[in-house]
Structures are given as C-alpha cells and as structure tokens.
N, C-alpha and C. Protein backbone atom coordinates (compact mmCIF):
# COMPACT_ATOMS: atom_id res chain seq x y z
N UNK A 1 0.94 -1.21 0.16
CA UNK A 1 -0.02 0.24 0.03
C UNK A 1 0.77 1.30 0.05
N UNK A 2 0.47 1.90 -0.91
CA UNK A 2 1.49 3.68 -0.96
C UNK A 2 1.15 4.11 0.82
N UNK A 3 2.22 4.80 0.72
CA UNK A 3 1.92 5.55 1.98
C UNK A 3 0.98 6.86 2.22
N UNK A 4 0.31 6.87 3.27
CA UNK A 4 -0.86 7.59 3.39
C UNK A 4 -0.38 9.17 3.81
N UNK A 5 -0.41 9.87 3.34
CA UNK A 5 -0.16 11.19 4.12
C UNK A 5 -1.40 12.04 4.46
N UNK A 6 -1.67 12.52 5.32
CA UNK A 6 -2.81 13.65 5.75
C UNK A 6 -2.35 15.17 4.66
N UNK A 7 -3.60 15.90 4.30
CA UNK A 7 -3.37 16.91 3.93
C UNK A 7 -4.26 18.03 4.77
N UNK A 8 -3.49 18.92 5.15
CA UNK A 8 -4.15 20.01 6.15
C UNK A 8 -3.68 21.44 5.43
N UNK A 9 -4.58 22.36 5.17
CA UNK A 9 -4.10 23.83 4.71
C UNK A 9 -5.04 24.72 5.81
N UNK A 10 -4.56 25.86 5.86
CA UNK A 10 -5.40 26.79 6.82
C UNK A 10 -6.48 27.85 5.81
N UNK A 11 -6.32 27.23 4.30
CA UNK A 11 -6.95 28.06 3.19
C UNK A 11 -8.46 27.42 2.80
N UNK A 12 -8.88 26.60 3.75
CA UNK A 12 -10.02 25.47 3.87
C UNK A 12 -10.44 25.22 5.25
N UNK A 13 -11.99 25.45 5.56
CA UNK A 13 -12.28 24.86 6.65
C UNK A 13 -11.74 23.69 7.32
N UNK A 14 -11.90 23.60 8.67
CA UNK A 14 -11.13 22.58 9.31
C UNK A 14 -12.45 21.49 9.00
N UNK A 15 -11.89 19.76 9.63
CA UNK A 15 -13.08 19.24 10.11
C UNK A 15 -14.00 19.73 10.47
N UNK A 16 -15.43 19.54 10.01
CA UNK A 16 -16.61 19.91 10.81
C UNK A 16 -16.70 19.65 12.02
N UNK A 17 -16.73 20.83 13.02
CA UNK A 17 -17.06 20.59 14.58
C UNK A 17 -16.08 19.55 15.08
N UNK A 18 -14.82 19.44 14.82
CA UNK A 18 -13.48 18.65 15.19
C UNK A 18 -13.83 17.27 15.31
N UNK A 19 -14.50 16.73 13.91
CA UNK A 19 -15.10 15.46 13.44
C UNK A 19 -13.59 14.81 13.51
N UNK A 20 -13.82 13.48 13.30
CA UNK A 20 -12.27 12.48 13.09
C UNK A 20 -12.15 12.17 12.28
N UNK A 21 -11.78 13.43 10.73
CA UNK A 21 -11.44 12.94 9.49
C UNK A 21 -10.43 14.23 9.17
N UNK A 22 -9.87 13.91 7.89
CA UNK A 22 -8.72 14.84 7.80
C UNK A 22 -9.51 15.59 6.26
N UNK A 23 -9.06 16.95 6.24
CA UNK A 23 -9.49 17.64 4.62
C UNK A 23 -8.99 16.82 3.36
N UNK A 24 -8.49 15.97 3.39
CA UNK A 24 -7.88 14.71 2.50
C UNK A 24 -6.79 14.14 2.84
N UNK A 25 -6.33 13.13 2.47
CA UNK A 25 -5.43 12.35 2.06
C UNK A 25 -4.71 11.40 0.84
N UNK A 26 -3.40 11.94 1.21
CA UNK A 26 -2.48 11.65 -0.50
C UNK A 26 -2.14 10.08 0.22
N UNK A 27 -2.68 8.84 -1.12
CA UNK A 27 -1.92 7.93 -1.29
C UNK A 27 -1.54 7.84 -2.39
N UNK A 28 -0.06 7.49 -2.62
CA UNK A 28 0.63 7.64 -4.06
C UNK A 28 0.04 8.31 -4.73
N UNK A 29 -0.10 8.50 -5.92
CA UNK A 29 -0.35 9.50 -6.80
C UNK A 29 -1.49 10.06 -6.88
N UNK A 30 -2.21 9.60 -5.68
CA UNK A 30 -4.01 10.01 -5.78
C UNK A 30 -3.90 11.10 -4.32
N UNK A 31 -4.81 11.37 -4.74
CA UNK A 31 -5.32 12.59 -3.35
C UNK A 31 -7.21 12.45 -3.29
N UNK A 32 -7.62 12.33 -1.96
CA UNK A 32 -8.82 11.97 -1.80
C UNK A 32 -9.28 12.98 -1.08
N UNK A 33 -10.29 13.67 -1.56
CA UNK A 33 -10.59 14.79 -0.52
C UNK A 33 -12.07 14.60 0.17
N UNK A 34 -12.02 15.21 1.48
CA UNK A 34 -13.02 14.95 2.10
C UNK A 34 -14.53 15.98 1.47
N UNK A 35 -15.49 15.48 1.91
CA UNK A 35 -16.81 16.33 1.04
C UNK A 35 -16.35 17.65 2.13
N UNK A 36 -16.70 18.83 0.99
CA UNK A 36 -16.80 20.15 1.26
C UNK A 36 -18.25 20.87 1.34
N UNK A 37 -18.16 21.81 2.06
CA UNK A 37 -19.46 22.62 2.58
C UNK A 37 -19.20 23.71 1.92
N UNK A 38 -20.08 24.65 1.89
CA UNK A 38 -19.92 26.22 1.64
C UNK A 38 -19.37 26.78 2.97
N UNK A 39 -18.35 26.50 3.62
CA UNK A 39 -17.76 27.06 4.90
C UNK A 39 -16.55 27.86 4.40
N UNK A 40 -16.31 28.94 5.48
CA UNK A 40 -15.01 29.51 4.62
C UNK A 40 -14.04 29.06 5.75
N UNK A 41 -12.71 29.34 5.83
CA UNK A 41 -12.12 28.90 6.83
C UNK A 41 -12.44 29.74 8.51
N UNK A 42 -12.33 28.91 9.18
CA UNK A 42 -12.51 29.64 10.99
C UNK A 42 -13.75 30.58 10.84
N UNK A 43 -14.93 29.76 10.44
CA UNK A 43 -16.20 30.14 9.78
C UNK A 43 -17.26 28.93 9.64
N UNK A 44 -18.30 29.10 11.17
CA UNK A 44 -19.06 27.96 11.18
C UNK A 44 -20.33 28.40 10.52
N UNK A 45 -20.53 29.53 9.35
CA UNK A 45 -21.83 29.42 9.03
C UNK A 45 -22.02 29.12 7.38
N UNK A 46 -22.83 28.40 6.57
CA UNK A 46 -22.23 28.35 5.41
C UNK A 46 -22.72 29.66 4.95
N UNK A 47 -21.66 29.95 3.48
CA UNK A 47 -21.97 31.05 3.17
C UNK A 47 -22.78 31.18 1.54
N UNK A 48 -23.67 32.18 1.59
CA UNK A 48 -24.38 32.16 0.38
C UNK A 48 -25.63 31.50 0.55
N UNK A 49 -26.55 32.13 0.07
CA UNK A 49 -27.75 31.80 -0.07
C UNK A 49 -28.67 30.47 -1.08
N UNK A 50 -27.50 30.88 -2.62
CA UNK A 50 -27.78 29.89 -3.43
C UNK A 50 -27.31 29.20 -3.57
N UNK A 51 -27.70 28.05 -4.58
CA UNK A 51 -27.03 26.90 -4.97
C UNK A 51 -25.61 27.90 -5.52
N UNK A 52 -25.41 28.62 -6.51
CA UNK A 52 -24.78 29.18 -7.03
C UNK A 52 -23.42 29.91 -5.89
N UNK A 53 -23.83 30.45 -5.28
CA UNK A 53 -22.97 31.11 -4.51
C UNK A 53 -22.24 29.54 -3.20
N UNK A 54 -22.92 29.18 -3.03
CA UNK A 54 -22.84 27.65 -2.31
C UNK A 54 -21.57 27.06 -2.96
N UNK A 55 -21.72 26.95 -4.36
CA UNK A 55 -21.01 25.75 -5.28
C UNK A 55 -19.56 26.50 -5.31
N UNK A 56 -19.87 27.94 -5.30
CA UNK A 56 -18.53 28.55 -5.68
C UNK A 56 -17.42 28.41 -4.73
N UNK A 57 -18.25 28.51 -3.12
CA UNK A 57 -17.18 28.37 -1.60
C UNK A 57 -16.91 26.99 -1.50
N UNK A 58 -17.91 26.30 -2.00
CA UNK A 58 -17.17 24.68 -2.37
C UNK A 58 -16.35 24.34 -2.96
N UNK A 59 -15.98 24.70 -4.13
CA UNK A 59 -15.06 24.47 -5.67
C UNK A 59 -14.00 25.82 -4.46
N UNK A 60 -13.72 26.63 -4.48
CA UNK A 60 -12.60 27.02 -3.59
C UNK A 60 -11.78 26.55 -2.69
N UNK A 61 -12.89 26.09 -1.32
CA UNK A 61 -12.54 25.14 -0.93
C UNK A 61 -11.97 23.76 -1.50
N UNK A 62 -12.00 23.14 -2.30
CA UNK A 62 -11.63 21.75 -3.21
C UNK A 62 -9.93 22.36 -3.89
N UNK A 63 -10.51 23.62 -4.22
CA UNK A 63 -9.07 23.80 -4.93
C UNK A 63 -7.94 24.56 -3.63
N UNK A 64 -7.92 25.25 -3.20
CA UNK A 64 -7.55 25.09 -1.72
C UNK A 64 -6.58 24.00 -1.06
N UNK A 65 -7.50 22.87 -1.39
CA UNK A 65 -7.02 21.57 -0.52
C UNK A 65 -6.11 20.87 -1.61
N UNK A 66 -6.62 20.77 -2.63
CA UNK A 66 -6.17 20.27 -3.87
C UNK A 66 -4.65 21.11 -3.89
N UNK A 67 -4.52 22.47 -3.97
CA UNK A 67 -3.28 22.76 -3.89
C UNK A 67 -2.33 22.43 -3.18
N UNK A 68 -2.67 22.43 -1.61
CA UNK A 68 -1.91 21.91 -0.53
C UNK A 68 -1.29 20.72 -0.56
N UNK A 69 -2.16 19.80 -1.47
CA UNK A 69 -1.58 18.31 -1.87
C UNK A 69 -0.76 18.41 -3.42
N UNK A 70 -0.61 19.48 -3.83
CA UNK A 70 0.43 19.60 -5.01
C UNK A 70 -0.67 19.20 -6.29
N UNK A 71 -1.75 19.48 -6.30
CA UNK A 71 -2.55 18.91 -7.16
C UNK A 71 -3.44 20.47 -7.66
N UNK A 72 -4.79 19.92 -8.33
CA UNK A 72 -5.76 21.27 -8.54
C UNK A 72 -7.09 20.39 -9.33
N UNK A 73 -7.56 21.70 -9.79
CA UNK A 73 -9.24 21.04 -10.36
C UNK A 73 -9.06 20.64 -11.42
N UNK A 74 -7.77 20.90 -11.60
CA UNK A 74 -7.66 20.44 -13.64
C UNK A 74 -7.33 19.11 -13.41
N UNK A 75 -7.09 18.34 -12.28
CA UNK A 75 -6.18 17.16 -12.11
C UNK A 75 -7.40 16.46 -11.52
N UNK A 76 -8.70 16.47 -11.44
CA UNK A 76 -9.86 15.78 -11.00
C UNK A 76 -10.34 14.62 -12.02
N UNK A 77 -10.27 13.42 -10.95
CA UNK A 77 -10.63 12.59 -11.85
C UNK A 77 -11.62 11.79 -11.49
N UNK A 78 -12.58 12.11 -10.41
CA UNK A 78 -14.02 11.84 -9.86
C UNK A 78 -14.32 12.62 -8.34
N UNK A 79 -16.02 13.09 -8.72
CA UNK A 79 -16.03 13.86 -7.64
C UNK A 79 -17.37 13.15 -7.20
N UNK A 80 -17.87 13.63 -6.13
CA UNK A 80 -19.51 13.01 -5.86
C UNK A 80 -19.85 14.33 -5.51
N UNK A 81 -21.10 14.50 -5.95
CA UNK A 81 -22.19 15.84 -5.20
C UNK A 81 -23.07 15.40 -4.92
N UNK A 82 -23.25 15.92 -3.82
CA UNK A 82 -24.64 15.80 -2.86
C UNK A 82 -25.49 16.99 -2.79
N UNK A 83 -26.49 16.91 -3.06
CA UNK A 83 -27.67 18.07 -3.50
C UNK A 83 -28.56 17.81 -2.43
N UNK A 84 -28.90 19.06 -2.01
CA UNK A 84 -30.31 18.70 -0.93
C UNK A 84 -31.55 18.49 -2.06
N UNK A 85 -31.63 19.03 -2.92
CA UNK A 85 -32.34 19.51 -3.91
C UNK A 85 -32.23 19.07 -5.38
N UNK A 86 -32.58 18.22 -5.82
CA UNK A 86 -31.83 18.27 -7.37
C UNK A 86 -32.64 19.13 -8.48
N UNK A 87 -33.84 20.07 -8.27
CA UNK A 87 -33.88 20.67 -8.68
C UNK A 87 -32.38 21.98 -9.04
N UNK A 88 -32.11 22.27 -7.98
CA UNK A 88 -30.43 22.73 -7.81
C UNK A 88 -29.39 22.16 -8.71
N UNK A 89 -29.72 21.29 -9.25
CA UNK A 89 -28.66 21.02 -10.24
C UNK A 89 -27.97 21.33 -11.59
N UNK A 90 -28.60 22.16 -12.00
CA UNK A 90 -28.54 23.49 -13.16
C UNK A 90 -27.58 24.76 -12.34
N UNK A 91 -27.89 25.09 -11.52
CA UNK A 91 -26.83 26.03 -11.16
C UNK A 91 -25.93 25.74 -10.56
N UNK A 92 -25.83 24.39 -9.75
CA UNK A 92 -24.56 23.90 -9.61
C UNK A 92 -23.57 23.42 -10.85
N UNK A 93 -24.20 22.95 -11.63
CA UNK A 93 -23.90 22.48 -12.75
C UNK A 93 -23.07 23.68 -13.10
N UNK A 94 -23.50 25.02 -13.41
CA UNK A 94 -23.11 26.15 -14.21
C UNK A 94 -21.68 26.65 -13.26
N UNK A 95 -21.65 26.11 -12.20
CA UNK A 95 -20.75 27.17 -11.49
C UNK A 95 -19.64 25.52 -11.93
N UNK A 96 -19.85 24.39 -11.43
CA UNK A 96 -19.01 23.47 -11.26
C UNK A 96 -18.30 23.18 -12.64
N UNK A 97 -18.84 23.33 -14.09
CA UNK A 97 -18.59 23.24 -15.54
C UNK A 97 -17.29 24.24 -15.54
N UNK A 98 -17.68 25.67 -14.92
CA UNK A 98 -16.76 26.65 -15.28
C UNK A 98 -15.58 26.37 -14.49
N UNK A 99 -15.46 25.98 -13.28
CA UNK A 99 -14.50 25.49 -12.30
C UNK A 99 -13.73 24.59 -13.11
N UNK A 100 -14.41 23.21 -13.28
CA UNK A 100 -13.16 22.30 -13.53
C UNK A 100 -12.52 22.08 -14.99
N UNK A 101 -13.15 23.13 -15.90
CA UNK A 101 -12.69 22.80 -17.27
C UNK A 101 -12.98 22.30 -18.15
N UNK A 102 -12.52 22.03 -19.49
CA UNK A 102 -12.99 21.68 -20.36
C UNK A 102 -12.64 20.02 -20.58
N UNK A 103 -12.10 19.11 -19.31
CA UNK A 103 -11.94 18.13 -19.40
C UNK A 103 -12.25 17.88 -18.26
N UNK A 104 -13.40 17.34 -17.83
CA UNK A 104 -14.04 17.26 -16.70
C UNK A 104 -14.15 15.50 -15.97
N UNK A 105 -14.20 15.81 -14.65
CA UNK A 105 -14.05 14.59 -14.25
C UNK A 105 -15.38 13.59 -14.33
N UNK A 106 -15.09 12.12 -14.10
CA UNK A 106 -16.14 11.42 -13.68
C UNK A 106 -16.69 11.83 -12.60
N UNK A 107 -18.29 11.84 -12.49
CA UNK A 107 -19.05 12.33 -11.46
C UNK A 107 -20.21 11.51 -11.06
N UNK A 108 -20.62 11.91 -9.98
CA UNK A 108 -21.77 10.89 -9.78
C UNK A 108 -22.53 12.31 -8.82
N UNK A 109 -24.10 12.56 -8.95
CA UNK A 109 -24.58 13.59 -8.57
C UNK A 109 -25.95 12.76 -7.56
N UNK A 110 -26.34 13.01 -6.39
CA UNK A 110 -27.05 12.49 -5.64
C UNK A 110 -27.88 13.31 -4.96
N UNK A 111 -29.21 13.13 -4.54
CA UNK A 111 -30.17 14.06 -4.12
C UNK A 111 -30.13 13.57 -2.24
N UNK A 112 -29.83 14.23 -1.35
CA UNK A 112 -29.90 13.40 0.16
C UNK A 112 -30.64 14.38 0.71
N UNK A 113 -31.26 14.13 1.79
CA UNK A 113 -32.39 14.63 2.54
C UNK A 113 -31.71 15.50 3.39
N UNK A 114 -30.70 15.98 3.90
CA UNK A 114 -29.97 16.94 4.34
C UNK A 114 -28.54 17.25 4.38
N UNK A 115 -27.61 17.90 4.79
CA UNK A 115 -26.51 18.32 4.63
C UNK A 115 -26.35 18.99 6.35
N UNK A 116 -25.17 19.02 6.54
CA UNK A 116 -24.94 19.58 7.56
C UNK A 116 -24.96 21.03 7.62
N UNK A 117 -25.54 22.43 8.53
CA UNK A 117 -25.22 23.68 8.81
C UNK A 117 -26.76 23.57 7.55
N UNK A 118 -27.37 23.27 7.25
CA UNK A 118 -28.27 23.72 6.46
C UNK A 118 -27.90 24.04 5.06
N UNK A 119 -26.45 23.45 4.66
CA UNK A 119 -25.91 23.43 3.49
C UNK A 119 -27.10 22.77 2.23
N UNK A 120 -26.45 23.29 1.22
CA UNK A 120 -27.33 22.83 -0.14
C UNK A 120 -26.64 22.29 -1.08
N UNK A 121 -25.41 22.40 -0.55
CA UNK A 121 -24.50 21.22 -1.69
C UNK A 121 -22.87 21.07 -1.25
N UNK A 122 -22.32 19.39 -1.15
CA UNK A 122 -21.23 19.10 -1.07
C UNK A 122 -20.84 18.42 -1.68
N UNK A 123 -19.53 18.56 -2.05
CA UNK A 123 -18.45 17.91 -2.87
C UNK A 123 -17.48 16.99 -2.37
N UNK A 124 -17.27 15.94 -2.77
CA UNK A 124 -15.95 15.63 -2.16
C UNK A 124 -15.43 14.90 -3.51
N UNK A 125 -14.09 14.64 -3.99
CA UNK A 125 -13.22 14.33 -4.70
C UNK A 125 -11.96 13.44 -4.90
N UNK A 126 -11.69 13.06 -6.01
CA UNK A 126 -10.38 12.39 -6.08
C UNK A 126 -9.71 13.03 -7.45
N UNK A 127 -8.65 13.30 -6.99
CA UNK A 127 -7.70 13.63 -7.97
C UNK A 127 -6.06 13.18 -8.01
N UNK A 128 -5.39 13.24 -9.30
CA UNK A 128 -4.08 12.95 -9.52
C UNK A 128 -3.26 13.95 -8.58
N UNK A 129 -2.34 13.65 -8.61
CA UNK A 129 -1.33 14.37 -8.49
C UNK A 129 0.09 14.76 -8.85
C-alpha cells in the first residue's frame, strides 16, 4: 500500500466540528478530498443563500486543499456531488462546469435529505497528483 499522507491547509475549513476526518489524504499519486461544504476557514456558518454562491465556495475549498496536496481542479478524476434538491442541479452545474474546465472528471450527483448546517451542496473528490 502507498504511504498515507494527511493533507491540511488553513485556506479551507477544518474538519466539521472537530470530527475525526482529514481535509484530504494523499496515497501514492492520488489525493482523496473529504466532502466540502460552503464554509470559509474559521467560520461555522454556510456562505451564500443560492446554490451558485454555495457551489463557488465549495469549489474554492476543493481548490485550496488540492493545491496544498500538489494537485488542482484540472487534475480531478472523480467527484461526488450531494444536493439537497435535484432542482438545484442546473445552478450547481453552471458553476461546477466553469471551475473544472473542458476536461471534466467522472461524477455522480445524488439527492440527499439533509446536509450539515443547512448546506445545499457538498462535494467530495479524487484527483491525480
């Protein structure tokens, strides 16, 4: 098994309410990023009222963590998007498409009944390093 390296940056929120998980873990040439909400570092409240605003913050968090791991949004290979309402798909997708570029990763999008702190969207990711 490849060595496991915990990734941590102050440019993205710390694990939610001190929960026992890492922002990301690098194993070999892959980095696995925990689900990100629309939180800013050192803030406990969701940023933005719209799906577009929240998706922008989520993508900024993913970018910061991937950067710390030596990767980036352009190196995403797989994401999972969790939406509280699939009617928000188009608004999320508009921001997501712009941020991942013209070579998007594989992706699953699922509707969930609830996310922490009343968030509308959460995204987890796997990227190449």
